[in-house]
Amino acid sequence: MSSYQEILSQIEALKVQAEDVRKQEISSAIAEIKRIMSQYDITLADLGGTGRVSKSKTKGSTVAAKYRDPLSGKTWTGRGRRPAWVVDLEAAGSSLDSCRI
């Protein structure tokens, strides 16, 4: 029977071996993809790619405000941390629904 440490060593060795095999297979797959792209004159644009990793489409988009402070006129979308005026309003016993736009 193997000891715990021996098994851990075997696991680490297998992880290294698996990563090496993975790298070899990826290299072969990339070479095959390049060969086919060359054979059929396919470009990244034909595949719908730009060669760059795209960022989230929602990042930087604006969201319409859902609530308005009756005193200052400041607005809040309802996302993220509650602004101080919302916290104060709720502490005073008012409902957030009373400020809905």
Protein backbone atom coordinates (compact mmCIF):
# COMPACT_ATOMS: atom_id res chain seq x y z
CA MET A 1 0.00 0.00 0.00
CA SER A 2 1.29 3.46 -0.91
CA SER A 3 1.65 6.22 1.61
CA TYR A 4 -0.24 9.49 1.37
CA GLN A 5 2.95 11.37 0.41
CA GLU A 6 3.75 8.87 -2.34
CA ILE A 7 0.29 9.27 -3.80
CA LEU A 8 0.62 13.07 -3.70
CA SER A 9 3.94 12.78 -5.54
CA GLN A 10 2.31 10.59 -8.18
CA ILE A 11 -0.52 13.10 -8.56
CA GLU A 12 1.94 15.95 -9.11
CA ALA A 13 3.90 13.89 -11.63
CA LEU A 14 0.68 13.08 -13.50
CA LYS A 15 -0.33 16.75 -13.50
CA VAL A 16 3.00 17.69 -15.09
CA GLN A 17 2.67 14.86 -17.60
CA ALA A 18 -0.93 15.87 -18.43
CA GLU A 19 0.10 19.50 -19.00
CA ASP A 20 2.90 18.40 -21.36
CA VAL A 21 0.50 16.22 -23.36
CA ARG A 22 -2.05 19.05 -23.43
CA LYS A 23 0.55 21.47 -24.84
CA GLN A 24 1.53 18.97 -27.53
CA GLU A 25 -2.11 18.39 -28.50
CA ILE A 26 -2.78 22.12 -28.63
CA SER A 27 0.24 22.62 -30.89
CA SER A 28 -1.02 19.89 -33.21
CA ALA A 29 -4.54 21.35 -33.24
CA ILE A 30 -3.24 24.85 -34.01
CA ALA A 31 -1.07 23.51 -36.83
CA GLU A 32 -4.07 21.67 -38.29
CA ILE A 33 -6.28 24.77 -38.04
CA LYS A 34 -3.61 26.89 -39.74
CA ARG A 35 -3.24 24.29 -42.50
CA ILE A 36 -6.99 24.24 -43.17
CA MET A 37 -7.23 28.05 -43.05
CA SER A 38 -4.38 28.31 -45.55
CA GLN A 39 -5.88 25.64 -47.81
CA TYR A 40 -9.23 27.43 -48.02
CA ASP A 41 -7.90 31.03 -47.71
CA ILE A 42 -9.85 31.58 -44.49
CA THR A 43 -9.03 34.65 -42.39
CA LEU A 44 -9.94 35.55 -38.82
CA ALA A 45 -12.44 38.03 -40.24
CA ASP A 46 -14.13 35.14 -42.09
CA LEU A 47 -14.53 33.41 -38.74
CA GLY A 48 -16.05 36.51 -37.21
CA GLY A 49 -13.03 37.21 -35.06
CA THR A 50 -10.72 40.16 -34.82
CA GLY A 51 -7.80 38.39 -33.22
CA ARG A 52 -8.46 40.22 -29.97
CA VAL A 53 -10.25 39.08 -26.89
CA SER A 54 -13.48 41.04 -26.61
CA LYS A 55 -14.59 42.58 -23.37
CA SER A 56 -18.02 42.26 -21.90
CA LYS A 57 -20.65 43.99 -24.01
CA THR A 58 -22.39 45.31 -20.92
CA LYS A 59 -19.33 46.95 -19.42
CA GLY A 60 -19.60 50.70 -19.63
CA SER A 61 -23.23 50.69 -20.67
CA THR A 62 -25.54 53.01 -18.83
CA VAL A 63 -28.69 51.99 -17.01
CA ALA A 64 -31.69 54.23 -16.63
CA ALA A 65 -32.29 55.63 -13.16
CA LYS A 66 -35.15 54.04 -11.21
CA TYR A 67 -35.22 56.25 -8.12
CA ARG A 68 -34.98 60.00 -7.50
CA ASP A 69 -34.25 61.78 -4.22
CA PRO A 70 -37.23 64.09 -3.60
CA LEU A 71 -34.99 66.64 -1.84
CA SER A 72 -31.86 66.90 -3.95
CA GLY A 73 -33.04 65.38 -7.23
CA LYS A 74 -30.16 62.88 -7.25
CA THR A 75 -30.93 59.59 -8.97
CA TRP A 76 -30.03 55.95 -8.43
CA THR A 77 -30.34 53.00 -10.80
CA GLY A 78 -31.05 50.49 -8.06
CA ARG A 79 -27.75 48.74 -8.70
CA GLY A 80 -24.71 48.65 -6.49
CA ARG A 81 -24.33 50.19 -3.08
CA ARG A 82 -27.25 52.24 -1.82
CA PRO A 83 -26.50 55.96 -1.80
CA ALA A 84 -26.65 57.87 1.47
CA TRP A 85 -29.96 59.52 0.58
CA VAL A 86 -31.58 56.09 0.16
CA VAL A 87 -30.18 54.88 3.48
CA ASP A 88 -31.40 58.07 5.20
CA LEU A 89 -34.83 57.78 3.56
CA GLU A 90 -35.27 54.19 4.72
CA ALA A 91 -33.99 55.05 8.21
CA ALA A 92 -36.70 57.71 8.42
CA GLY A 93 -39.28 55.01 7.73
CA SER A 94 -40.09 55.91 4.11
CA SER A 95 -40.34 53.33 1.36
CA LEU A 96 -37.97 53.32 -1.58
CA ASP A 97 -41.02 52.81 -3.81
CA SER A 98 -42.13 56.35 -2.96
CA CYS A 99 -39.10 57.60 -4.93
CA ARG A 100 -39.58 55.41 -7.99
CA ILE A 101 -39.38 57.36 -11.23
